[in-house]
């Protein structure tokens, strides 16, 4: 019999083992963190065969007036970023993500403290409906 159910605390040790056997280069998630708000396991014949978890995160977007000079744009981005990240942290988020097209903006992102996600990994989106 196959069953999808909520993750139980006693499932975590087995999930750590499954994660280690996968050999994928990312740390085992801190599943007790409140940001993990959906945690499901698939049980097949009484044995956990997989888990799906969702961590709350935010997608950052920038709307910037193009008429400003380069330094004014950078000052605007710095000030907005500080305010937005402070509020995100206050609301409990530990990171934000941004999907950036190839527009030669990488240098500015680095100057603002952003880091590229891991090489070889790509952002994918799946709508819930």
C-alpha atoms as a PDB file:
ATOM      1  CA  UNK A   1       0.000   0.000   0.000  1.00  0.00           C
ATOM      2  CA  UNK A   2       1.241   3.471  -0.903  1.00  0.00           C
ATOM      3  CA  UNK A   3       0.532   6.473   1.293  1.00  0.00           C
ATOM      4  CA  UNK A   4       1.448  10.164   1.254  1.00  0.00           C
ATOM      5  CA  UNK A   5       1.498  11.638   4.755  1.00  0.00           C
ATOM      6  CA  UNK A   6       2.986  14.457   6.783  1.00  0.00           C
ATOM      7  CA  UNK A   7       6.569  14.038   7.917  1.00  0.00           C
ATOM      8  CA  UNK A   8       6.950  12.855  11.505  1.00  0.00           C
ATOM      9  CA  UNK A   9       9.928  13.729  13.737  1.00  0.00           C
ATOM     10  CA  UNK A  10      10.973  10.075  13.758  1.00  0.00           C
ATOM     11  CA  UNK A  11      11.282  10.137   9.951  1.00  0.00           C
ATOM     12  CA  UNK A  12      14.184  12.598   9.941  1.00  0.00           C
ATOM     13  CA  UNK A  13      16.971  10.083  10.642  1.00  0.00           C
ATOM     14  CA  UNK A  14      15.940   7.940   7.667  1.00  0.00           C
ATOM     15  CA  UNK A  15      15.637  11.021   5.452  1.00  0.00           C
ATOM     16  CA  UNK A  16      19.201  11.983   6.423  1.00  0.00           C
ATOM     17  CA  UNK A  17      20.325   8.557   5.186  1.00  0.00           C
ATOM     18  CA  UNK A  18      18.352   8.910   1.950  1.00  0.00           C
ATOM     19  CA  UNK A  19      19.876  12.365   1.439  1.00  0.00           C
ATOM     20  CA  UNK A  20      23.419  11.028   1.978  1.00  0.00           C
ATOM     21  CA  UNK A  21      22.859   8.187  -0.512  1.00  0.00           C
ATOM     22  CA  UNK A  22      21.631  10.632  -3.152  1.00  0.00           C
ATOM     23  CA  UNK A  23      25.067  12.197  -3.304  1.00  0.00           C
ATOM     24  CA  UNK A  24      23.704  15.589  -4.377  1.00  0.00           C
ATOM     25  CA  UNK A  25      25.793  18.560  -3.306  1.00  0.00           C
ATOM     26  CA  UNK A  26      23.514  20.378  -0.872  1.00  0.00           C
ATOM     27  CA  UNK A  27      23.222  20.292   2.882  1.00  0.00           C
ATOM     28  CA  UNK A  28      20.430  18.336   4.518  1.00  0.00           C
ATOM     29  CA  UNK A  29      17.659  20.836   5.229  1.00  0.00           C
ATOM     30  CA  UNK A  30      16.914  22.007   8.756  1.00  0.00           C
ATOM     31  CA  UNK A  31      13.408  20.575   8.689  1.00  0.00           C
ATOM     32  CA  UNK A  32      12.475  21.983  12.111  1.00  0.00           C
ATOM     33  CA  UNK A  33      12.874  25.507  10.737  1.00  0.00           C
ATOM     34  CA  UNK A  34       9.443  27.167  10.471  1.00  0.00           C
ATOM     35  CA  UNK A  35      10.290  28.205   6.905  1.00  0.00           C
ATOM     36  CA  UNK A  36       9.743  24.557   5.918  1.00  0.00           C
ATOM     37  CA  UNK A  37       5.976  24.794   5.904  1.00  0.00           C
ATOM     38  CA  UNK A  38       5.116  21.709   3.798  1.00  0.00           C
ATOM     39  CA  UNK A  39       6.742  18.359   4.618  1.00  0.00           C
ATOM     40  CA  UNK A  40       5.383  15.178   3.051  1.00  0.00           C
ATOM     41  CA  UNK A  41       6.706  11.639   2.758  1.00  0.00           C
ATOM     42  CA  UNK A  42       5.698   8.785   0.477  1.00  0.00           C
ATOM     43  CA  UNK A  43       5.431   5.464   2.263  1.00  0.00           C
ATOM     44  CA  UNK A  44       5.369   2.313   0.152  1.00  0.00           C
ATOM     45  CA  UNK A  45       4.792  -1.050   1.837  1.00  0.00           C
ATOM     46  CA  UNK A  46       5.523   0.566   5.221  1.00  0.00           C
ATOM     47  CA  UNK A  47       8.855   2.078   4.083  1.00  0.00           C
ATOM     48  CA  UNK A  48       9.597   5.734   3.329  1.00  0.00           C
ATOM     49  CA  UNK A  49      10.711   5.976  -0.290  1.00  0.00           C
ATOM     50  CA  UNK A  50      10.774   9.739  -0.716  1.00  0.00           C
ATOM     51  CA  UNK A  51      10.008  13.131   0.743  1.00  0.00           C
ATOM     52  CA  UNK A  52       8.955  16.466  -0.655  1.00  0.00           C
ATOM     53  CA  UNK A  53       9.400  19.636   1.346  1.00  0.00           C
ATOM     54  CA  UNK A  54       8.728  23.285   0.611  1.00  0.00           C
ATOM     55  CA  UNK A  55      10.690  26.124   2.131  1.00  0.00           C
ATOM     56  CA  UNK A  56       9.166  29.564   2.092  1.00  0.00           C
ATOM     57  CA  UNK A  57      11.319  31.976   0.127  1.00  0.00           C
ATOM     58  CA  UNK A  58      10.916  35.276  -1.656  1.00  0.00           C
ATOM     59  CA  UNK A  59      11.634  36.286  -5.222  1.00  0.00           C
ATOM     60  CA  UNK A  60      13.245  39.705  -5.453  1.00  0.00           C
ATOM     61  CA  UNK A  61      12.221  42.086  -8.214  1.00  0.00           C
ATOM     62  CA  UNK A  62      13.578  45.544  -9.003  1.00  0.00           C
ATOM     63  CA  UNK A  63      11.684  48.331 -10.722  1.00  0.00           C
ATOM     64  CA  UNK A  64      14.147  51.103 -11.489  1.00  0.00           C
ATOM     65  CA  UNK A  65      13.648  54.409 -13.271  1.00  0.00           C
ATOM     66  CA  UNK A  66      15.968  54.463 -16.264  1.00  0.00           C
ATOM     67  CA  UNK A  67      16.451  58.222 -16.291  1.00  0.00           C
ATOM     68  CA  UNK A  68      18.771  58.199 -13.255  1.00  0.00           C
ATOM     69  CA  UNK A  69      22.514  58.331 -13.676  1.00  0.00           C
ATOM     70  CA  UNK A  70      24.589  55.225 -12.833  1.00  0.00           C
ATOM     71  CA  UNK A  71      25.549  56.403  -9.330  1.00  0.00           C
ATOM     72  CA  UNK A  72      21.979  57.437  -8.521  1.00  0.00           C
ATOM     73  CA  UNK A  73      20.728  54.035  -9.695  1.00  0.00           C
ATOM     74  CA  UNK A  74      23.271  52.283  -7.472  1.00  0.00           C
ATOM     75  CA  UNK A  75      22.308  54.446  -4.476  1.00  0.00           C
ATOM     76  CA  UNK A  76      18.638  53.683  -5.108  1.00  0.00           C
ATOM     77  CA  UNK A  77      19.364  49.952  -5.295  1.00  0.00           C
ATOM     78  CA  UNK A  78      21.476  50.000  -2.115  1.00  0.00           C
ATOM     79  CA  UNK A  79      18.859  51.862  -0.109  1.00  0.00           C
ATOM     80  CA  UNK A  80      15.969  49.775  -1.380  1.00  0.00           C
ATOM     81  CA  UNK A  81      17.895  46.558  -0.813  1.00  0.00           C
ATOM     82  CA  UNK A  82      18.688  47.483   2.800  1.00  0.00           C
ATOM     83  CA  UNK A  83      15.041  48.241   3.558  1.00  0.00           C
ATOM     84  CA  UNK A  84      13.681  45.179   1.747  1.00  0.00           C
ATOM     85  CA  UNK A  85      16.179  42.742   3.303  1.00  0.00           C
ATOM     86  CA  UNK A  86      15.618  44.177   6.785  1.00  0.00           C
ATOM     87  CA  UNK A  87      11.879  43.625   6.453  1.00  0.00           C
ATOM     88  CA  UNK A  88      12.357  40.142   5.000  1.00  0.00           C
ATOM     89  CA  UNK A  89      14.575  39.241   7.967  1.00  0.00           C
ATOM     90  CA  UNK A  90      12.026  40.711  10.402  1.00  0.00           C
ATOM     91  CA  UNK A  91       9.357  38.515   8.819  1.00  0.00           C
ATOM     92  CA  UNK A  92      11.537  35.426   9.307  1.00  0.00           C
ATOM     93  CA  UNK A  93      13.035  34.880   5.848  1.00  0.00           C
ATOM     94  CA  UNK A  94      16.683  33.896   5.672  1.00  0.00           C
ATOM     95  CA  UNK A  95      17.280  34.511   1.952  1.00  0.00           C
ATOM     96  CA  UNK A  96      15.756  35.943  -1.188  1.00  0.00           C
ATOM     97  CA  UNK A  97      16.203  34.799  -4.761  1.00  0.00           C
ATOM     98  CA  UNK A  98      16.246  36.649  -8.061  1.00  0.00           C
ATOM     99  CA  UNK A  99      15.900  35.366 -11.615  1.00  0.00           C
ATOM    100  CA  UNK A 100      17.967  37.687 -13.808  1.00  0.00           C
ATOM    101  CA  UNK A 101      18.056  37.609 -17.597  1.00  0.00           C
ATOM    102  CA  UNK A 102      21.329  38.015 -19.472  1.00  0.00           C
ATOM    103  CA  UNK A 103      21.435  41.828 -19.312  1.00  0.00           C
ATOM    104  CA  UNK A 104      24.997  42.382 -18.099  1.00  0.00           C
ATOM    105  CA  UNK A 105      23.841  43.083 -14.525  1.00  0.00           C
ATOM    106  CA  UNK A 106      26.108  40.586 -12.741  1.00  0.00           C
ATOM    107  CA  UNK A 107      28.699  43.200 -11.739  1.00  0.00           C
ATOM    108  CA  UNK A 108      26.062  45.281  -9.943  1.00  0.00           C
ATOM    109  CA  UNK A 109      24.646  42.243  -8.173  1.00  0.00           C
ATOM    110  CA  UNK A 110      28.103  41.329  -6.862  1.00  0.00           C
ATOM    111  CA  UNK A 111      28.606  44.916  -5.686  1.00  0.00           C
ATOM    112  CA  UNK A 112      25.322  44.647  -3.803  1.00  0.00           C
ATOM    113  CA  UNK A 113      26.441  41.407  -2.096  1.00  0.00           C
ATOM    114  CA  UNK A 114      24.490  38.878  -4.184  1.00  0.00           C
ATOM    115  CA  UNK A 115      25.966  35.481  -4.980  1.00  0.00           C
ATOM    116  CA  UNK A 116      25.276  33.274  -7.966  1.00  0.00           C
ATOM    117  CA  UNK A 117      23.560  30.066  -7.095  1.00  0.00           C
ATOM    118  CA  UNK A 118      25.566  26.922  -7.520  1.00  0.00           C
ATOM    119  CA  UNK A 119      27.107  26.306 -10.941  1.00  0.00           C
ATOM    120  CA  UNK A 120      25.157  23.803 -12.967  1.00  0.00           C
ATOM    121  CA  UNK A 121      21.912  24.448 -11.081  1.00  0.00           C
ATOM    122  CA  UNK A 122      19.060  26.323 -12.731  1.00  0.00           C
ATOM    123  CA  UNK A 123      15.977  28.002 -11.346  1.00  0.00           C
ATOM    124  CA  UNK A 124      12.746  26.198 -12.289  1.00  0.00           C
ATOM    125  CA  UNK A 125       9.220  27.268 -11.476  1.00  0.00           C
ATOM    126  CA  UNK A 126       6.069  25.182 -11.096  1.00  0.00           C
ATOM    127  CA  UNK A 127       2.717  26.865 -10.603  1.00  0.00           C
ATOM    128  CA  UNK A 128       0.460  25.355  -7.966  1.00  0.00           C
ATOM    129  CA  UNK A 129      -2.568  25.517 -10.294  1.00  0.00           C
END
